[in-house]
PDB file of N, CA and C in Angstrom:
ATOM      1  N   MET A   1       2.709 333.990 125.541  1.00  0.00           N
ATOM      2  CA  MET A   1       3.756 333.162 126.114  1.00  0.00           C
ATOM      3  C   MET A   1       3.469 332.869 127.586  1.00  0.00           C
ATOM      4  N   ASN A   2       2.987 333.851 128.292  1.00  0.00           N
ATOM      5  CA  ASN A   2       2.690 333.674 129.701  1.00  0.00           C
ATOM      6  C   ASN A   2       1.588 332.653 129.911  1.00  0.00           C
ATOM      7  N   LYS A   3       0.579 332.706 129.020  1.00  0.00           N
ATOM      8  CA  LYS A   3      -0.550 331.780 129.142  1.00  0.00           C
ATOM      9  C   LYS A   3      -0.123 330.349 128.812  1.00  0.00           C
ATOM     10  N   GLY A   4       0.756 330.192 127.800  1.00  0.00           N
ATOM     11  CA  GLY A   4       1.247 328.867 127.420  1.00  0.00           C
ATOM     12  C   GLY A   4       2.070 328.237 128.530  1.00  0.00           C
ATOM     13  N   LEU A   5       2.934 329.031 129.162  1.00  0.00           N
ATOM     14  CA  LEU A   5       3.739 328.532 130.265  1.00  0.00           C
ATOM     15  C   LEU A   5       2.852 328.156 131.453  1.00  0.00           C
ATOM     16  N   TYR A   6       1.837 328.955 131.690  1.00  0.00           N
ATOM     17  CA  TYR A   6       0.902 328.686 132.782  1.00  0.00           C
ATOM     18  C   TYR A   6       0.139 327.378 132.525  1.00  0.00           C
ATOM     19  N   ASN A   7      -0.277 327.130 131.271  1.00  0.00           N
ATOM     20  CA  ASN A   7      -0.976 325.891 130.918  1.00  0.00           C
ATOM     21  C   ASN A   7      -0.068 324.663 131.084  1.00  0.00           C
ATOM     22  N   ILE A   8       1.203 324.823 130.756  1.00  0.00           N
ATOM     23  CA  ILE A   8       2.142 323.707 130.923  1.00  0.00           C
ATOM     24  C   ILE A   8       2.340 323.402 132.401  1.00  0.00           C
ATOM     25  N   LEU A   9       2.480 324.466 133.216  1.00  0.00           N
ATOM     26  CA  LEU A   9       2.669 324.258 134.650  1.00  0.00           C
ATOM     27  C   LEU A   9       1.440 323.627 135.306  1.00  0.00           C
ATOM     28  N   LYS A  10       0.255 323.960 134.807  1.00  0.00           N
ATOM     29  CA  LYS A  10      -0.963 323.357 135.343  1.00  0.00           C
ATOM     30  C   LYS A  10      -1.217 321.962 134.759  1.00  0.00           C
ATOM     31  N   ALA A  11      -0.431 321.566 133.778  1.00  0.00           N
ATOM     32  CA  ALA A  11      -0.524 320.271 133.096  1.00  0.00           C
ATOM     33  C   ALA A  11      -1.852 320.127 132.382  1.00  0.00           C
ATOM     34  N   ASN A  12      -2.299 321.173 131.720  1.00  0.00           N
ATOM     35  CA  ASN A  12      -3.541 321.116 130.932  1.00  0.00           C
ATOM     36  C   ASN A  12      -3.409 320.153 129.753  1.00  0.00           C
ATOM     37  N   PHE A  13      -2.184 319.942 129.260  1.00  0.00           N
ATOM     38  CA  PHE A  13      -2.004 319.037 128.114  1.00  0.00           C
ATOM     39  C   PHE A  13      -2.264 317.581 128.515  1.00  0.00           C
ATOM     40  N   LEU A  14      -2.288 317.294 129.810  1.00  0.00           N
ATOM     41  CA  LEU A  14      -2.556 315.928 130.272  1.00  0.00           C
ATOM     42  C   LEU A  14      -4.026 315.674 130.573  1.00  0.00           C
ATOM     43  N   ILE A  15      -4.813 316.734 130.715  1.00  0.00           N
ATOM     44  CA  ILE A  15      -6.216 316.554 131.075  1.00  0.00           C
ATOM     45  C   ILE A  15      -7.169 317.097 130.021  1.00  0.00           C
ATOM     46  N   SER A  16      -6.632 317.562 128.931  1.00  0.00           N
ATOM     47  CA  SER A  16      -7.508 318.082 127.868  1.00  0.00           C
ATOM     48  C   SER A  16      -8.163 316.926 127.107  1.00  0.00           C
ATOM     49  N   ASN A  17      -8.984 317.271 126.128  1.00  0.00           N
ATOM     50  CA  ASN A  17      -9.726 316.254 125.363  1.00  0.00           C
ATOM     51  C   ASN A  17      -8.818 315.344 124.537  1.00  0.00           C
ATOM     52  N   ASP A  18      -7.764 315.863 124.000  1.00  0.00           N
ATOM     53  CA  ASP A  18      -6.844 315.057 123.182  1.00  0.00           C
ATOM     54  C   ASP A  18      -5.616 314.612 123.995  1.00  0.00           C
ATOM     55  N   ALA A  19      -5.804 314.385 125.267  1.00  0.00           N
ATOM     56  CA  ALA A  19      -4.698 314.016 126.157  1.00  0.00           C
ATOM     57  C   ALA A  19      -4.224 312.575 125.944  1.00  0.00           C
ATOM     58  N   VAL A  20      -5.031 311.730 125.294  1.00  0.00           N
ATOM     59  CA  VAL A  20      -4.663 310.325 125.099  1.00  0.00           C
ATOM     60  C   VAL A  20      -3.377 310.222 124.292  1.00  0.00           C
ATOM     61  N   LYS A  21      -3.245 311.005 123.230  1.00  0.00           N
ATOM     62  CA  LYS A  21      -2.013 310.935 122.428  1.00  0.00           C
ATOM     63  C   LYS A  21      -0.826 311.473 123.219  1.00  0.00           C
ATOM     64  N   ASN A  22      -1.053 312.442 124.075  1.00  0.00           N
ATOM     65  CA  ASN A  22       0.039 312.943 124.911  1.00  0.00           C
ATOM     66  C   ASN A  22       0.475 311.880 125.921  1.00  0.00           C
ATOM     67  N   TRP A  23      -0.487 311.177 126.514  1.00  0.00           N
ATOM     68  CA  TRP A  23      -0.163 310.137 127.479  1.00  0.00           C
ATOM     69  C   TRP A  23       0.592 308.990 126.802  1.00  0.00           C
ATOM     70  N   ARG A  24       0.185 308.651 125.600  1.00  0.00           N
ATOM     71  CA  ARG A  24       0.886 307.589 124.861  1.00  0.00           C
ATOM     72  C   ARG A  24       2.347 307.973 124.638  1.00  0.00           C
ATOM     73  N   PHE A  25       2.558 309.209 124.247  1.00  0.00           N
ATOM     74  CA  PHE A  25       3.927 309.677 124.001  1.00  0.00           C
ATOM     75  C   PHE A  25       4.738 309.678 125.305  1.00  0.00           C
ATOM     76  N   ILE A  26       4.114 310.108 126.393  1.00  0.00           N
ATOM     77  CA  ILE A  26       4.812 310.140 127.680  1.00  0.00           C
ATOM     78  C   ILE A  26       5.157 308.721 128.140  1.00  0.00           C
ATOM     79  N   VAL A  27       4.237 307.786 127.987  1.00  0.00           N
ATOM     80  CA  VAL A  27       4.501 306.395 128.359  1.00  0.00           C
ATOM     81  C   VAL A  27       5.604 305.818 127.471  1.00  0.00           C
ATOM     82  N   PHE A  28       5.561 306.115 126.168  1.00  0.00           N
ATOM     83  CA  PHE A  28       6.600 305.660 125.245  1.00  0.00           C
ATOM     84  C   PHE A  28       7.964 306.204 125.657  1.00  0.00           C
ATOM     85  N   CYS A  29       8.036 307.480 125.953  1.00  0.00           N
ATOM     86  CA  CYS A  29       9.308 308.091 126.379  1.00  0.00           C
ATOM     87  C   CYS A  29       9.797 307.485 127.698  1.00  0.00           C
ATOM     88  N   THR A  30       8.898 307.202 128.604  1.00  0.00           N
ATOM     89  CA  THR A  30       9.267 306.597 129.881  1.00  0.00           C
ATOM     90  C   THR A  30       9.822 305.192 129.663  1.00  0.00           C
ATOM     91  N   LEU A  31       9.149 304.395 128.851  1.00  0.00           N
ATOM     92  CA  LEU A  31       9.637 303.038 128.559  1.00  0.00           C
ATOM     93  C   LEU A  31      10.994 303.077 127.849  1.00  0.00           C
ATOM     94  N   LEU A  32      11.140 304.028 126.928  1.00  0.00           N
ATOM     95  CA  LEU A  32      12.404 304.172 126.219  1.00  0.00           C
ATOM     96  C   LEU A  32      13.520 304.551 127.200  1.00  0.00           C
ATOM     97  N   ALA A  33      13.226 305.429 128.146  1.00  0.00           N
ATOM     98  CA  ALA A  33      14.222 305.815 129.142  1.00  0.00           C
ATOM     99  C   ALA A  33      14.592 304.625 130.028  1.00  0.00           C
ATOM    100  N   ILE A  34      13.614 303.814 130.402  1.00  0.00           N
ATOM    101  CA  ILE A  34      13.885 302.628 131.228  1.00  0.00           C
ATOM    102  C   ILE A  34      14.770 301.646 130.470  1.00  0.00           C
ATOM    103  N   VAL A  35      14.498 301.443 129.194  1.00  0.00           N
ATOM    104  CA  VAL A  35      15.320 300.539 128.380  1.00  0.00           C
ATOM    105  C   VAL A  35      16.741 301.080 128.269  1.00  0.00           C
ATOM    106  N   MET A  36      16.885 302.383 128.072  1.00  0.00           N
ATOM    107  CA  MET A  36      18.218 302.977 127.965  1.00  0.00           C
ATOM    108  C   MET A  36      18.999 302.832 129.272  1.00  0.00           C
ATOM    109  N   ILE A  37      18.336 303.040 130.389  1.00  0.00           N
ATOM    110  CA  ILE A  37      19.003 302.914 131.688  1.00  0.00           C
ATOM    111  C   ILE A  37      19.420 301.465 131.934  1.00  0.00           C
ATOM    112  N   ALA A  38      18.549 300.525 131.609  1.00  0.00           N
ATOM    113  CA  ALA A  38      18.884 299.108 131.787  1.00  0.00           C
ATOM    114  C   ALA A  38      20.057 298.708 130.893  1.00  0.00           C
ATOM    115  N   SER A  39      20.052 299.200 129.666  1.00  0.00           N
ATOM    116  CA  SER A  39      21.146 298.899 128.746  1.00  0.00           C
ATOM    117  C   SER A  39      22.459 299.487 129.254  1.00  0.00           C
ATOM    118  N   SER A  40      22.403 300.675 129.777  1.00  0.00           N
ATOM    119  CA  SER A  40      23.596 301.323 130.321  1.00  0.00           C
ATOM    120  C   SER A  40      24.145 300.542 131.515  1.00  0.00           C
ATOM    121  N   HIS A  41      23.269 300.094 132.405  1.00  0.00           N
ATOM    122  CA  HIS A  41      23.712 299.304 133.552  1.00  0.00           C
ATOM    123  C   HIS A  41      24.318 297.985 133.104  1.00  0.00           C
ATOM    124  N   SER A  42      23.720 297.363 132.111  1.00  0.00           N
ATOM    125  CA  SER A  42      24.244 296.095 131.602  1.00  0.00           C
ATOM    126  C   SER A  42      25.638 296.290 130.998  1.00  0.00           C
ATOM    127  N   ALA A  43      25.812 297.345 130.223  1.00  0.00           N
ATOM    128  CA  ALA A  43      27.119 297.620 129.618  1.00  0.00           C
ATOM    129  C   ALA A  43      28.154 297.926 130.698  1.00  0.00           C
ATOM    130  N   GLU A  44      27.771 298.672 131.696  1.00  0.00           N
ATOM    131  CA  GLU A  44      28.691 298.997 132.789  1.00  0.00           C
ATOM    132  C   GLU A  44      29.099 297.735 133.553  1.00  0.00           C
ATOM    133  N   ARG A  45      28.164 296.837 133.775  1.00  0.00           N
ATOM    134  CA  ARG A  45      28.454 295.575 134.448  1.00  0.00           C
ATOM    135  C   ARG A  45      29.456 294.757 133.630  1.00  0.00           C
ATOM    136  N   LYS A  46      29.276 294.733 132.321  1.00  0.00           N
ATOM    137  CA  LYS A  46      30.198 293.987 131.463  1.00  0.00           C
ATOM    138  C   LYS A  46      31.593 294.607 131.477  1.00  0.00           C
ATOM    139  N   VAL A  47      31.679 295.933 131.515  1.00  0.00           N
ATOM    140  CA  VAL A  47      32.979 296.601 131.567  1.00  0.00           C
ATOM    141  C   VAL A  47      33.706 296.234 132.856  1.00  0.00           C
ATOM    142  N   HIS A  48      32.994 296.222 133.972  1.00  0.00           N
ATOM    143  CA  HIS A  48      33.605 295.843 135.238  1.00  0.00           C
ATOM    144  C   HIS A  48      34.046 294.382 135.229  1.00  0.00           C
ATOM    145  N   GLU A  49      33.255 293.518 134.643  1.00  0.00           N
ATOM    146  CA  GLU A  49      33.603 292.101 134.550  1.00  0.00           C
ATOM    147  C   GLU A  49      34.857 291.913 133.687  1.00  0.00           C
ATOM    148  N   ILE A  50      34.947 292.650 132.579  1.00  0.00           N
ATOM    149  CA  ILE A  50      36.125 292.560 131.712  1.00  0.00           C
ATOM    150  C   ILE A  50      37.361 293.049 132.444  1.00  0.00           C
ATOM    151  N   ALA A  51      37.242 294.133 133.192  1.00  0.00           N
ATOM    152  CA  ALA A  51      38.385 294.649 133.957  1.00  0.00           C
ATOM    153  C   ALA A  51      38.830 293.643 135.013  1.00  0.00           C
ATOM    154  N   ARG A  52      37.872 293.012 135.695  1.00  0.00           N
ATOM    155  CA  ARG A  52      38.206 292.021 136.706  1.00  0.00           C
ATOM    156  C   ARG A  52      38.922 290.825 136.077  1.00  0.00           C
ATOM    157  N   LEU A  53      38.417 290.371 134.932  1.00  0.00           N
ATOM    158  CA  LEU A  53      39.041 289.230 134.256  1.00  0.00           C
ATOM    159  C   LEU A  53      40.440 289.579 133.741  1.00  0.00           C
ATOM    160  N   ASN A  54      40.636 290.807 133.267  1.00  0.00           N
ATOM    161  CA  ASN A  54      41.973 291.221 132.819  1.00  0.00           C
ATOM    162  C   ASN A  54      42.957 291.218 133.987  1.00  0.00           C
ATOM    163  N   ASN A  55      42.520 291.683 135.143  1.00  0.00           N
ATOM    164  CA  ASN A  55      43.396 291.649 136.322  1.00  0.00           C
ATOM    165  C   ASN A  55      43.736 290.219 136.706  1.00  0.00           C
ATOM    166  N   GLU A  56      42.751 289.348 136.638  1.00  0.00           N
ATOM    167  CA  GLU A  56      42.984 287.940 136.968  1.00  0.00           C
ATOM    168  C   GLU A  56      43.958 287.302 135.982  1.00  0.00           C
ATOM    169  N   VAL A  57      43.840 287.648 134.702  1.00  0.00           N
ATOM    170  CA  VAL A  57      44.753 287.107 133.684  1.00  0.00           C
ATOM    171  C   VAL A  57      46.176 287.578 133.963  1.00  0.00           C
ATOM    172  N   ARG A  58      46.350 288.862 134.312  1.00  0.00           N
ATOM    173  CA  ARG A  58      47.679 289.377 134.624  1.00  0.00           C
ATOM    174  C   ARG A  58      48.288 288.648 135.830  1.00  0.00           C
ATOM    175  N   GLU A  59      47.470 288.430 136.860  1.00  0.00           N
ATOM    176  CA  GLU A  59      47.968 287.720 138.046  1.00  0.00           C
ATOM    177  C   GLU A  59      48.356 286.292 137.708  1.00  0.00           C
ATOM    178  N   LEU A  60      47.518 285.603 136.932  1.00  0.00           N
ATOM    179  CA  LEU A  60      47.823 284.221 136.563  1.00  0.00           C
ATOM    180  C   LEU A  60      49.058 284.144 135.673  1.00  0.00           C
ATOM    181  N   ARG A  61      49.232 285.122 134.787  1.00  0.00           N
ATOM    182  CA  ARG A  61      50.404 285.122 133.910  1.00  0.00           C
ATOM    183  C   ARG A  61      51.678 285.319 134.729  1.00  0.00           C
ATOM    184  N   SER A  62      51.642 286.229 135.710  1.00  0.00           N
ATOM    185  CA  SER A  62      52.840 286.439 136.529  1.00  0.00           C
ATOM    186  C   SER A  62      53.124 285.204 137.389  1.00  0.00           C
ATOM    187  N   GLU A  63      52.084 284.559 137.896  1.00  0.00           N
ATOM    188  CA  GLU A  63      52.276 283.329 138.668  1.00  0.00           C
ATOM    189  C   GLU A  63      52.882 282.237 137.781  1.00  0.00           C
ATOM    190  N   PHE A  64      52.429 282.155 136.528  1.00  0.00           N
ATOM    191  CA  PHE A  64      52.983 281.179 135.588  1.00  0.00           C
ATOM    192  C   PHE A  64      54.463 281.426 135.361  1.00  0.00           C
ATOM    193  N   VAL A  65      54.843 282.684 135.173  1.00  0.00           N
ATOM    194  CA  VAL A  65      56.255 283.002 134.936  1.00  0.00           C
ATOM    195  C   VAL A  65      57.089 282.658 136.164  1.00  0.00           C
ATOM    196  N   ASP A  66      56.570 282.962 137.354  1.00  0.00           N
ATOM    197  CA  ASP A  66      57.297 282.627 138.583  1.00  0.00           C
ATOM    198  C   ASP A  66      57.489 281.119 138.710  1.00  0.00           C
ATOM    199  N   ARG A  67      56.432 280.366 138.477  1.00  0.00           N
ATOM    200  CA  ARG A  67      56.527 278.900 138.604  1.00  0.00           C
ATOM    201  C   ARG A  67      57.464 278.305 137.549  1.00  0.00           C
ATOM    202  N   ARG A  68      57.417 278.864 136.332  1.00  0.00           N
ATOM    203  CA  ARG A  68      58.282 278.354 135.263  1.00  0.00           C
ATOM    204  C   ARG A  68      59.744 278.607 135.598  1.00  0.00           C
ATOM    205  N   SER A  69      60.059 279.797 136.140  1.00  0.00           N
ATOM    206  CA  SER A  69      61.448 280.080 136.491  1.00  0.00           C
ATOM    207  C   SER A  69      61.898 279.201 137.660  1.00  0.00           C
ATOM    208  N   ALA A  70      61.001 278.936 138.622  1.00  0.00           N
ATOM    209  CA  ALA A  70      61.346 278.040 139.722  1.00  0.00           C
ATOM    210  C   ALA A  70      61.609 276.630 139.192  1.00  0.00           C
ATOM    211  N   LEU A  71      60.799 276.180 138.250  1.00  0.00           N
ATOM    212  CA  LEU A  71      61.005 274.853 137.659  1.00  0.00           C
ATOM    213  C   LEU A  71      62.335 274.790 136.926  1.00  0.00           C
ATOM    214  N   MET A  72      62.701 275.839 136.217  1.00  0.00           N
ATOM    215  CA  MET A  72      63.985 275.858 135.507  1.00  0.00           C
ATOM    216  C   MET A  72      65.151 275.767 136.490  1.00  0.00           C
ATOM    217  N   ARG A  73      65.031 276.449 137.635  1.00  0.00           N
ATOM    218  CA  ARG A  73      66.087 276.365 138.645  1.00  0.00           C
ATOM    219  C   ARG A  73      66.179 274.948 139.217  1.00  0.00           C
ATOM    220  N   ILE A  74      65.026 274.327 139.460  1.00  0.00           N
ATOM    221  CA  ILE A  74      65.017 272.971 140.022  1.00  0.00           C
ATOM    222  C   ILE A  74      65.610 271.969 139.030  1.00  0.00           C
ATOM    223  N   LYS A  75      65.371 272.163 137.737  1.00  0.00           N
ATOM    224  CA  LYS A  75      65.831 271.213 136.729  1.00  0.00           C
ATOM    225  C   LYS A  75      67.310 271.359 136.387  1.00  0.00           C
ATOM    226  N   MET A  76      67.957 272.403 136.870  1.00  0.00           N
ATOM    227  CA  MET A  76      69.373 272.605 136.542  1.00  0.00           C
ATOM    228  C   MET A  76      70.216 271.462 137.108  1.00  0.00           C
ATOM    229  N   GLU A  77      71.242 271.087 136.371  1.00  0.00           N
ATOM    230  CA  GLU A  77      72.078 269.950 136.769  1.00  0.00           C
ATOM    231  C   GLU A  77      72.767 270.217 138.104  1.00  0.00           C
ATOM    232  N   SER A  78      73.189 271.453 138.334  1.00  0.00           N
ATOM    233  CA  SER A  78      73.883 271.758 139.586  1.00  0.00           C
ATOM    234  C   SER A  78      72.953 271.600 140.783  1.00  0.00           C
ATOM    235  N   THR A  79      71.681 271.950 140.631  1.00  0.00           N
ATOM    236  CA  THR A  79      70.726 271.793 141.721  1.00  0.00           C
ATOM    237  C   THR A  79      70.493 270.316 142.014  1.00  0.00           C
ATOM    238  N   ILE A  80      70.391 269.531 140.985  1.00  0.00           N
ATOM    239  CA  ILE A  80      70.175 268.087 141.163  1.00  0.00           C
ATOM    240  C   ILE A  80      71.390 267.443 141.827  1.00  0.00           C
ATOM    241  N   ILE A  81      72.594 267.861 141.411  1.00  0.00           N
ATOM    242  CA  ILE A  81      73.816 267.306 142.010  1.00  0.00           C
ATOM    243  C   ILE A  81      73.864 267.658 143.496  1.00  0.00           C
ATOM    244  N   ASN A  82      73.527 268.893 143.844  1.00  0.00           N
ATOM    245  CA  ASN A  82      73.543 269.300 145.259  1.00  0.00           C
ATOM    246  C   ASN A  82      72.541 268.506 146.082  1.00  0.00           C
ATOM    247  N   LYS A  83      71.369 268.253 145.547  1.00  0.00           N
ATOM    248  CA  LYS A  83      70.349 267.520 146.297  1.00  0.00           C
ATOM    249  C   LYS A  83      70.709 266.048 146.460  1.00  0.00           C
ATOM    250  N   LEU A  84      71.395 265.467 145.480  1.00  0.00           N
ATOM    251  CA  LEU A  84      71.741 264.042 145.538  1.00  0.00           C
ATOM    252  C   LEU A  84      73.106 263.788 146.140  1.00  0.00           C
ATOM    253  N   SER A  85      73.836 264.821 146.526  1.00  0.00           N
ATOM    254  CA  SER A  85      75.194 264.618 147.045  1.00  0.00           C
ATOM    255  C   SER A  85      75.186 263.830 148.348  1.00  0.00           C
ATOM    256  N   GLY A  86      74.172 263.997 149.161  1.00  0.00           N
ATOM    257  CA  GLY A  86      74.099 263.275 150.433  1.00  0.00           C
ATOM    258  C   GLY A  86      73.785 261.802 150.265  1.00  0.00           C
ATOM    259  N   THR A  87      73.224 261.412 149.157  1.00  0.00           N
ATOM    260  CA  THR A  87      72.844 260.012 148.946  1.00  0.00           C
ATOM    261  C   THR A  87      73.960 259.191 148.318  1.00  0.00           C
ATOM    262  N   GLY A  88      75.021 259.848 147.860  1.00  0.00           N
ATOM    263  CA  GLY A  88      76.134 259.116 147.247  1.00  0.00           C
ATOM    264  C   GLY A  88      75.980 258.965 145.748  1.00  0.00           C
ATOM    265  N   ILE A  89      74.907 259.429 145.190  1.00  0.00           N
ATOM    266  CA  ILE A  89      74.714 259.351 143.734  1.00  0.00           C
ATOM    267  C   ILE A  89      75.444 260.529 143.098  1.00  0.00           C
ATOM    268  N   GLN A  90      76.280 260.216 142.095  1.00  0.00           N
ATOM    269  CA  GLN A  90      77.047 261.256 141.418  1.00  0.00           C
ATOM    270  C   GLN A  90      76.807 261.172 139.920  1.00  0.00           C
ATOM    271  N   PRO A  91      77.052 262.275 139.226  1.00  0.00           N
ATOM    272  CA  PRO A  91      76.863 262.234 137.773  1.00  0.00           C
ATOM    273  C   PRO A  91      77.925 261.356 137.106  1.00  0.00           C
ATOM    274  N   SER A  92      77.573 260.810 135.988  1.00  0.00           N
ATOM    275  CA  SER A  92      78.463 259.912 135.252  1.00  0.00           C
ATOM    276  C   SER A  92      79.616 260.706 134.653  1.00  0.00           C
ATOM    277  N   GLU A  93      80.797 260.096 134.664  1.00  0.00           N
ATOM    278  CA  GLU A  93      81.983 260.739 134.092  1.00  0.00           C
ATOM    279  C   GLU A  93      82.016 260.597 132.574  1.00  0.00           C
ATOM    280  N   THR A  94      81.417 259.517 132.065  1.00  0.00           N
ATOM    281  CA  THR A  94      81.391 259.313 130.619  1.00  0.00           C
ATOM    282  C   THR A  94      80.042 259.754 130.085  1.00  0.00           C
ATOM    283  N   PRO A  95      80.056 260.472 128.987  1.00  0.00           N
ATOM    284  CA  PRO A  95      78.780 260.936 128.432  1.00  0.00           C
ATOM    285  C   PRO A  95      77.980 259.768 127.853  1.00  0.00           C
ATOM    286  N   PRO A  96      76.683 259.915 127.770  1.00  0.00           N
ATOM    287  CA  PRO A  96      75.878 258.833 127.191  1.00  0.00           C
ATOM    288  C   PRO A  96      76.131 258.712 125.693  1.00  0.00           C
ATOM    289  N   TYR A  97      75.852 257.555 125.158  1.00  0.00           N
ATOM    290  CA  TYR A  97      75.999 257.371 123.720  1.00  0.00           C
ATOM    291  C   TYR A  97      74.716 256.781 123.162  1.00  0.00           C
ATOM    292  N   LYS A  98      74.532 256.981 121.896  1.00  0.00           N
ATOM    293  CA  LYS A  98      73.317 256.592 121.220  1.00  0.00           C
ATOM    294  C   LYS A  98      73.465 255.200 120.632  1.00  0.00           C
ATOM    295  N   ILE A  99      72.445 254.391 120.836  1.00  0.00           N
ATOM    296  CA  ILE A  99      72.434 253.034 120.280  1.00  0.00           C
ATOM    297  C   ILE A  99      71.546 253.057 119.048  1.00  0.00           C
ATOM    298  N   LYS A 100      72.107 252.632 117.937  1.00  0.00           N
ATOM    299  CA  LYS A 100      71.342 252.559 116.698  1.00  0.00           C
ATOM    300  C   LYS A 100      71.007 251.120 116.393  1.00  0.00           C
ATOM    301  N   VAL A 101      69.745 250.883 116.050  1.00  0.00           N
ATOM    302  CA  VAL A 101      69.286 249.549 115.718  1.00  0.00           C
ATOM    303  C   VAL A 101      68.938 249.535 114.247  1.00  0.00           C
ATOM    304  N   ASN A 102      69.535 248.619 113.519  1.00  0.00           N
ATOM    305  CA  ASN A 102      69.209 248.469 112.093  1.00  0.00           C
ATOM    306  C   ASN A 102      68.201 247.346 111.928  1.00  0.00           C
ATOM    307  N   LEU A 103      67.084 247.651 111.372  1.00  0.00           N
ATOM    308  CA  LEU A 103      66.049 246.644 111.151  1.00  0.00           C
ATOM    309  C   LEU A 103      66.202 246.078 109.754  1.00  0.00           C
ATOM    310  N   LYS A 104      66.308 244.755 109.663  1.00  0.00           N
ATOM    311  CA  LYS A 104      66.384 244.106 108.358  1.00  0.00           C
ATOM    312  C   LYS A 104      65.050 243.548 108.017  1.00  0.00           C
ATOM    313  N   GLU A 105      64.645 243.803 106.829  1.00  0.00           N
ATOM    314  CA  GLU A 105      63.310 243.355 106.414  1.00  0.00           C
ATOM    315  C   GLU A 105      63.358 242.100 105.598  1.00  0.00           C
TER     316      GLU A 105
END
């Protein structure tokens, strides 16, 4: 056991006669590790992008609700009457009525 550990520490497996297969395996493992690290970084980048987009969607949704409620307040009849009171325009006392047209063929 002592001799085997000593050979590993001296890296005899990299300089021996059959070291080519060991080098191939080491290069393969290194390339595999690089691919795994790149894939991990790519996935992490996508997670951050999704989180950023979700925050943006929440902000836009709240802005939409605020604008919609402001529009509803502006469209109310009482708001329109208050804004037009200075111009002399007043709401009609008689309700509108529907005109029906009969088409004869």
